[in-house]
Amino acid sequence: MFDSDSGRDPQSSKFTRRIFGAGAVAAVASYVVAKLVQAPGVEASPVVHGTPGMVKIVSFKDDGTRLDTQMVPRIVKSDGEWYKQLGANSFNIARKADTEMPFTGVSWQEHGHGIYRCIGCDTALFSSTTKFDSGTGWPSFWAPLAKENVLEKNDDSMGMRRTEVQCARCEGHLGHVFNDGPDPTGLRYCMNSASMKFVKG
């Protein structure tokens, strides 16, 4: 089943070990060189995303009290700046339109009174008064605090037509809205916890 040592050429064995050793050294050297010359990661990316200009949003107190409507500049930053501000998880979700796993987000079971603000720019998005248990594992609301504070766009990814919801000021990805929510709107704003922060009011 296995070759015996008898009849094996000692020189051939040394030659094989020498090739193996040289190959291992070459592989390690290639890895080190690749690490040294590889393109910088997203934390150093200068690629800028966003739409410059002004946008109208509605301001709210942390208890949900409506204040005033303002024209404010949109937030435009590079990927590197967003990554530094948000960290890997929120960056991938809010800036790259990823989706957190259901039943894992920090606020899907939040039952306190307050509002949910954008993780990227602090814009007031949703209130605890419109939150409901959708059974999906994501924080769900039947309406935003103000229509001006969110954008809704067609999303044809995943082989289906959906409506993506973004923050109006920084265009951060929040989640999607569906037509299977409760009264009075019949809507379900299915959001990612990582795109928002809950502030008690």
C-alpha atoms as a PDB file:
ATOM      1  CA  MET A   1       0.000   0.000   0.000  1.00  0.00           C
ATOM      2  CA  PHE A   2       2.853   2.395   0.892  1.00  0.00           C
ATOM      3  CA  ASP A   3       6.296   2.473  -0.699  1.00  0.00           C
ATOM      4  CA  SER A   4       9.059   1.207   1.574  1.00  0.00           C
ATOM      5  CA  ASP A   5      12.266   3.160   2.116  1.00  0.00           C
ATOM      6  CA  SER A   6      14.248   0.483   0.341  1.00  0.00           C
ATOM      7  CA  GLY A   7      15.301   1.505  -3.128  1.00  0.00           C
ATOM      8  CA  ARG A   8      14.474   5.220  -2.558  1.00  0.00           C
ATOM      9  CA  ASP A   9      17.058   7.598  -4.039  1.00  0.00           C
ATOM     10  CA  PRO A  10      18.525   9.760  -1.215  1.00  0.00           C
ATOM     11  CA  GLN A  11      19.376  12.520  -3.685  1.00  0.00           C
ATOM     12  CA  SER A  12      15.788  12.560  -4.970  1.00  0.00           C
ATOM     13  CA  SER A  13      14.499  12.927  -1.414  1.00  0.00           C
ATOM     14  CA  LYS A  14      16.829  15.882  -0.744  1.00  0.00           C
ATOM     15  CA  PHE A  15      15.799  17.446  -4.035  1.00  0.00           C
ATOM     16  CA  THR A  16      12.105  17.107  -3.190  1.00  0.00           C
ATOM     17  CA  ARG A  17      12.604  18.665   0.269  1.00  0.00           C
ATOM     18  CA  ARG A  18      14.591  21.522  -1.301  1.00  0.00           C
ATOM     19  CA  ILE A  19      11.796  22.249  -3.809  1.00  0.00           C
ATOM     20  CA  PHE A  20       9.169  22.106  -1.062  1.00  0.00           C
ATOM     21  CA  GLY A  21      11.177  24.470   1.153  1.00  0.00           C
ATOM     22  CA  ALA A  22      11.782  26.921  -1.663  1.00  0.00           C
ATOM     23  CA  GLY A  23       8.103  26.818  -2.598  1.00  0.00           C
ATOM     24  CA  ALA A  24       7.043  27.584   0.978  1.00  0.00           C
ATOM     25  CA  VAL A  25       9.439  30.533   1.192  1.00  0.00           C
ATOM     26  CA  ALA A  26       8.181  31.852  -2.143  1.00  0.00           C
ATOM     27  CA  ALA A  27       4.562  31.553  -1.011  1.00  0.00           C
ATOM     28  CA  VAL A  28       5.247  33.470   2.212  1.00  0.00           C
ATOM     29  CA  ALA A  29       7.168  36.147   0.320  1.00  0.00           C
ATOM     30  CA  SER A  30       4.332  36.528  -2.190  1.00  0.00           C
ATOM     31  CA  TYR A  31       1.804  36.934   0.634  1.00  0.00           C
ATOM     32  CA  VAL A  32       3.923  39.615   2.343  1.00  0.00           C
ATOM     33  CA  VAL A  33       4.405  41.537  -0.900  1.00  0.00           C
ATOM     34  CA  ALA A  34       0.693  41.320  -1.683  1.00  0.00           C
ATOM     35  CA  LYS A  35      -0.170  42.721   1.748  1.00  0.00           C
ATOM     36  CA  LEU A  36       2.271  45.586   1.286  1.00  0.00           C
ATOM     37  CA  VAL A  37       1.087  46.634  -2.150  1.00  0.00           C
ATOM     38  CA  GLN A  38      -2.645  45.876  -1.897  1.00  0.00           C
ATOM     39  CA  ALA A  39      -5.105  48.686  -2.489  1.00  0.00           C
ATOM     40  CA  PRO A  40      -6.128  50.609   0.615  1.00  0.00           C
ATOM     41  CA  GLY A  41      -9.244  49.364   2.386  1.00  0.00           C
ATOM     42  CA  VAL A  42     -12.568  51.144   2.635  1.00  0.00           C
ATOM     43  CA  GLU A  43     -11.373  52.992   5.743  1.00  0.00           C
ATOM     44  CA  ALA A  44      -9.005  54.935   3.481  1.00  0.00           C
ATOM     45  CA  SER A  45     -11.287  55.187   0.446  1.00  0.00           C
ATOM     46  CA  PRO A  46     -11.637  58.700  -1.002  1.00  0.00           C
ATOM     47  CA  VAL A  47     -14.729  57.723  -3.039  1.00  0.00           C
ATOM     48  CA  VAL A  48     -17.482  60.246  -2.301  1.00  0.00           C
ATOM     49  CA  HIS A  49     -21.178  59.422  -2.362  1.00  0.00           C
ATOM     50  CA  GLY A  50     -24.135  61.720  -1.981  1.00  0.00           C
ATOM     51  CA  THR A  51     -26.070  64.433  -3.743  1.00  0.00           C
ATOM     52  CA  PRO A  52     -24.822  67.948  -2.975  1.00  0.00           C
ATOM     53  CA  GLY A  53     -27.403  70.641  -2.395  1.00  0.00           C
ATOM     54  CA  MET A  54     -30.132  71.565   0.055  1.00  0.00           C
ATOM     55  CA  VAL A  55     -33.023  69.482   1.367  1.00  0.00           C
ATOM     56  CA  LYS A  56     -36.126  70.270   3.413  1.00  0.00           C
ATOM     57  CA  ILE A  57     -36.514  68.321   6.646  1.00  0.00           C
ATOM     58  CA  VAL A  58     -38.677  68.627   9.744  1.00  0.00           C
ATOM     59  CA  SER A  59     -37.025  68.936  13.160  1.00  0.00           C
ATOM     60  CA  PHE A  60     -38.324  67.077  16.216  1.00  0.00           C
ATOM     61  CA  LYS A  61     -37.583  67.002  19.925  1.00  0.00           C
ATOM     62  CA  ASP A  62     -36.547  63.671  21.389  1.00  0.00           C
ATOM     63  CA  ASP A  63     -40.070  63.227  22.798  1.00  0.00           C
ATOM     64  CA  GLY A  64     -41.509  63.436  19.274  1.00  0.00           C
ATOM     65  CA  THR A  65     -42.726  67.029  19.473  1.00  0.00           C
ATOM     66  CA  ARG A  66     -42.655  68.590  16.016  1.00  0.00           C
ATOM     67  CA  LEU A  67     -40.583  71.766  15.784  1.00  0.00           C
ATOM     68  CA  ASP A  68     -40.013  73.512  12.468  1.00  0.00           C
ATOM     69  CA  THR A  69     -39.267  72.803   8.830  1.00  0.00           C
ATOM     70  CA  GLN A  70     -35.772  73.761   7.686  1.00  0.00           C
ATOM     71  CA  MET A  71     -33.711  73.843   4.529  1.00  0.00           C
ATOM     72  CA  VAL A  72     -30.407  72.178   5.393  1.00  0.00           C
ATOM     73  CA  PRO A  73     -27.375  71.055   3.355  1.00  0.00           C
ATOM     74  CA  ARG A  74     -27.245  67.391   2.428  1.00  0.00           C
ATOM     75  CA  ILE A  75     -24.469  65.383   4.063  1.00  0.00           C
ATOM     76  CA  VAL A  76     -21.819  64.249   1.550  1.00  0.00           C
ATOM     77  CA  LYS A  77     -18.767  62.306   2.760  1.00  0.00           C
ATOM     78  CA  SER A  78     -16.227  59.843   1.444  1.00  0.00           C
ATOM     79  CA  ASP A  79     -16.497  56.140   2.203  1.00  0.00           C
ATOM     80  CA  GLY A  80     -13.462  56.506   4.436  1.00  0.00           C
ATOM     81  CA  GLU A  81     -15.140  59.245   6.482  1.00  0.00           C
ATOM     82  CA  TRP A  82     -18.369  57.260   6.792  1.00  0.00           C
ATOM     83  CA  TYR A  83     -16.484  54.113   7.792  1.00  0.00           C
ATOM     84  CA  LYS A  84     -14.584  55.987  10.487  1.00  0.00           C
ATOM     85  CA  GLN A  85     -17.799  57.483  11.844  1.00  0.00           C
ATOM     86  CA  LEU A  86     -20.040  54.409  11.668  1.00  0.00           C
ATOM     87  CA  GLY A  87     -17.840  51.339  12.045  1.00  0.00           C
ATOM     88  CA  ALA A  88     -18.006  48.262   9.827  1.00  0.00           C
ATOM     89  CA  ASN A  89     -21.525  47.010  10.595  1.00  0.00           C
ATOM     90  CA  SER A  90     -23.444  50.280  10.278  1.00  0.00           C
ATOM     91  CA  PHE A  91     -21.283  51.317   7.305  1.00  0.00           C
ATOM     92  CA  ASN A  92     -22.151  48.155   5.375  1.00  0.00           C
ATOM     93  CA  ILE A  93     -25.860  48.572   6.114  1.00  0.00           C
ATOM     94  CA  ALA A  94     -26.393  52.344   5.999  1.00  0.00           C
ATOM     95  CA  ARG A  95     -23.911  53.153   3.222  1.00  0.00           C
ATOM     96  CA  LYS A  96     -23.800  49.916   1.189  1.00  0.00           C
ATOM     97  CA  ALA A  97     -27.473  48.879   1.524  1.00  0.00           C
ATOM     98  CA  ASP A  98     -26.716  45.614   3.301  1.00  0.00           C
ATOM     99  CA  THR A  99     -29.339  44.063   5.607  1.00  0.00           C
ATOM    100  CA  GLU A 100     -28.833  42.978   9.197  1.00  0.00           C
ATOM    101  CA  MET A 101     -29.920  39.486  10.198  1.00  0.00           C
ATOM    102  CA  PRO A 102     -33.450  39.393  11.623  1.00  0.00           C
ATOM    103  CA  PHE A 103     -33.857  39.255  15.421  1.00  0.00           C
ATOM    104  CA  THR A 104     -30.310  40.565  15.930  1.00  0.00           C
ATOM    105  CA  GLY A 105     -30.607  44.363  15.793  1.00  0.00           C
ATOM    106  CA  VAL A 106     -30.285  46.501  18.910  1.00  0.00           C
ATOM    107  CA  SER A 107     -33.725  48.093  18.603  1.00  0.00           C
ATOM    108  CA  TRP A 108     -36.107  45.497  17.196  1.00  0.00           C
ATOM    109  CA  GLN A 109     -37.295  44.774  20.751  1.00  0.00           C
ATOM    110  CA  GLU A 110     -37.008  48.360  22.008  1.00  0.00           C
ATOM    111  CA  HIS A 111     -40.268  49.329  23.729  1.00  0.00           C
ATOM    112  CA  GLY A 112     -39.267  52.663  25.281  1.00  0.00           C
ATOM    113  CA  HIS A 113     -40.849  56.021  24.452  1.00  0.00           C
ATOM    114  CA  GLY A 114     -38.773  58.178  22.125  1.00  0.00           C
ATOM    115  CA  ILE A 115     -37.694  58.605  18.533  1.00  0.00           C
ATOM    116  CA  TYR A 116     -35.336  56.927  16.109  1.00  0.00           C
ATOM    117  CA  ARG A 117     -32.722  59.161  14.496  1.00  0.00           C
ATOM    118  CA  CYS A 118     -30.474  58.517  11.503  1.00  0.00           C
ATOM    119  CA  ILE A 119     -27.151  56.975  12.560  1.00  0.00           C
ATOM    120  CA  GLY A 120     -25.375  59.092   9.949  1.00  0.00           C
ATOM    121  CA  CYS A 121     -26.784  62.599  10.387  1.00  0.00           C
ATOM    122  CA  ASP A 122     -29.156  62.599  13.378  1.00  0.00           C
ATOM    123  CA  THR A 123     -32.274  63.356  11.309  1.00  0.00           C
ATOM    124  CA  ALA A 124     -35.474  62.349  13.138  1.00  0.00           C
ATOM    125  CA  LEU A 125     -37.008  59.392  11.291  1.00  0.00           C
ATOM    126  CA  PHE A 126     -39.535  57.381  13.307  1.00  0.00           C
ATOM    127  CA  SER A 127     -41.423  57.515  16.594  1.00  0.00           C
ATOM    128  CA  SER A 128     -42.067  54.785  19.130  1.00  0.00           C
ATOM    129  CA  THR A 129     -45.761  55.694  18.823  1.00  0.00           C
ATOM    130  CA  THR A 130     -45.908  54.225  15.295  1.00  0.00           C
ATOM    131  CA  LYS A 131     -43.781  51.163  16.027  1.00  0.00           C
ATOM    132  CA  PHE A 132     -45.427  47.736  15.993  1.00  0.00           C
ATOM    133  CA  ASP A 133     -44.397  44.085  16.243  1.00  0.00           C
ATOM    134  CA  SER A 134     -44.385  42.812  12.680  1.00  0.00           C
ATOM    135  CA  GLY A 135     -42.967  39.413  13.634  1.00  0.00           C
ATOM    136  CA  THR A 136     -40.179  39.878  11.086  1.00  0.00           C
ATOM    137  CA  GLY A 137     -37.299  40.512  13.498  1.00  0.00           C
ATOM    138  CA  TRP A 138     -36.713  44.068  12.243  1.00  0.00           C
ATOM    139  CA  PRO A 139     -37.980  47.305  13.813  1.00  0.00           C
ATOM    140  CA  SER A 140     -41.205  48.135  11.986  1.00  0.00           C
ATOM    141  CA  PHE A 141     -43.297  51.316  11.835  1.00  0.00           C
ATOM    142  CA  TRP A 142     -46.564  52.228  10.113  1.00  0.00           C
ATOM    143  CA  ALA A 143     -45.370  55.770   9.291  1.00  0.00           C
ATOM    144  CA  PRO A 144     -42.281  58.002   9.460  1.00  0.00           C
ATOM    145  CA  LEU A 145     -42.271  61.070  11.703  1.00  0.00           C
ATOM    146  CA  ALA A 146     -42.387  63.286   8.620  1.00  0.00           C
ATOM    147  CA  LYS A 147     -42.547  62.341   4.950  1.00  0.00           C
ATOM    148  CA  GLU A 148     -39.965  65.063   4.258  1.00  0.00           C
ATOM    149  CA  ASN A 149     -37.350  63.203   6.320  1.00  0.00           C
ATOM    150  CA  VAL A 150     -37.290  60.035   4.239  1.00  0.00           C
ATOM    151  CA  LEU A 151     -36.774  59.217   0.579  1.00  0.00           C
ATOM    152  CA  GLU A 152     -38.476  56.321  -1.183  1.00  0.00           C
ATOM    153  CA  LYS A 153     -36.889  54.831  -4.285  1.00  0.00           C
ATOM    154  CA  ASN A 154     -37.539  51.825  -6.521  1.00  0.00           C
ATOM    155  CA  ASP A 155     -35.216  48.923  -5.761  1.00  0.00           C
ATOM    156  CA  ASP A 156     -35.035  46.166  -8.369  1.00  0.00           C
ATOM    157  CA  SER A 157     -32.296  44.129  -6.701  1.00  0.00           C
ATOM    158  CA  MET A 158     -32.887  40.592  -5.420  1.00  0.00           C
ATOM    159  CA  GLY A 159     -34.973  39.818  -8.513  1.00  0.00           C
ATOM    160  CA  MET A 160     -38.025  41.750  -7.315  1.00  0.00           C
ATOM    161  CA  ARG A 161     -39.440  45.274  -7.211  1.00  0.00           C
ATOM    162  CA  ARG A 162     -39.275  46.809  -3.741  1.00  0.00           C
ATOM    163  CA  THR A 163     -39.351  50.337  -2.348  1.00  0.00           C
ATOM    164  CA  GLU A 164     -36.142  51.334  -0.605  1.00  0.00           C
ATOM    165  CA  VAL A 165     -36.276  53.874   2.215  1.00  0.00           C
ATOM    166  CA  GLN A 166     -33.380  56.300   2.733  1.00  0.00           C
ATOM    167  CA  CYS A 167     -32.649  59.201   5.037  1.00  0.00           C
ATOM    168  CA  ALA A 168     -33.487  62.391   3.121  1.00  0.00           C
ATOM    169  CA  ARG A 169     -30.468  64.309   4.386  1.00  0.00           C
ATOM    170  CA  CYS A 170     -27.555  61.851   4.070  1.00  0.00           C
ATOM    171  CA  GLU A 171     -29.168  59.248   1.775  1.00  0.00           C
ATOM    172  CA  GLY A 172     -28.282  56.478   4.191  1.00  0.00           C
ATOM    173  CA  HIS A 173     -30.058  53.164   3.541  1.00  0.00           C
ATOM    174  CA  LEU A 174     -32.691  52.486   6.200  1.00  0.00           C
ATOM    175  CA  GLY A 175     -34.652  49.518   4.863  1.00  0.00           C
ATOM    176  CA  HIS A 176     -37.782  48.998   2.746  1.00  0.00           C
ATOM    177  CA  VAL A 177     -41.480  49.826   2.961  1.00  0.00           C
ATOM    178  CA  PHE A 178     -44.228  47.293   2.211  1.00  0.00           C
ATOM    179  CA  ASN A 179     -48.008  47.420   1.819  1.00  0.00           C
ATOM    180  CA  ASP A 180     -48.785  44.847   4.507  1.00  0.00           C
ATOM    181  CA  GLY A 181     -48.789  46.996   7.637  1.00  0.00           C
ATOM    182  CA  PRO A 182     -51.540  47.798  10.130  1.00  0.00           C
ATOM    183  CA  ASP A 183     -54.052  50.648  10.152  1.00  0.00           C
ATOM    184  CA  PRO A 184     -54.171  53.561   9.796  1.00  0.00           C
ATOM    185  CA  THR A 185     -51.703  53.539   6.863  1.00  0.00           C
ATOM    186  CA  GLY A 186     -51.494  49.867   5.903  1.00  0.00           C
ATOM    187  CA  LEU A 187     -47.729  50.334   5.528  1.00  0.00           C
ATOM    188  CA  ARG A 188     -44.786  48.509   7.103  1.00  0.00           C
ATOM    189  CA  TYR A 189     -41.561  50.476   7.200  1.00  0.00           C
ATOM    190  CA  CYS A 190     -39.173  47.577   7.828  1.00  0.00           C
ATOM    191  CA  MET A 191     -35.954  49.198   9.037  1.00  0.00           C
ATOM    192  CA  ASN A 192     -32.443  48.154  10.039  1.00  0.00           C
ATOM    193  CA  SER A 193     -31.454  48.866  13.648  1.00  0.00           C
ATOM    194  CA  ALA A 194     -27.894  49.566  12.508  1.00  0.00           C
ATOM    195  CA  SER A 195     -29.079  52.509  10.394  1.00  0.00           C
ATOM    196  CA  MET A 196     -30.746  54.265  13.332  1.00  0.00           C
ATOM    197  CA  LYS A 197     -30.217  55.160  16.957  1.00  0.00           C
ATOM    198  CA  PHE A 198     -32.990  55.204  19.540  1.00  0.00           C
ATOM    199  CA  VAL A 199     -33.213  58.312  21.711  1.00  0.00           C
ATOM    200  CA  LYS A 200     -35.478  58.219  24.763  1.00  0.00           C
ATOM    201  CA  GLY A 201     -37.948  61.082  24.976  1.00  0.00           C
END
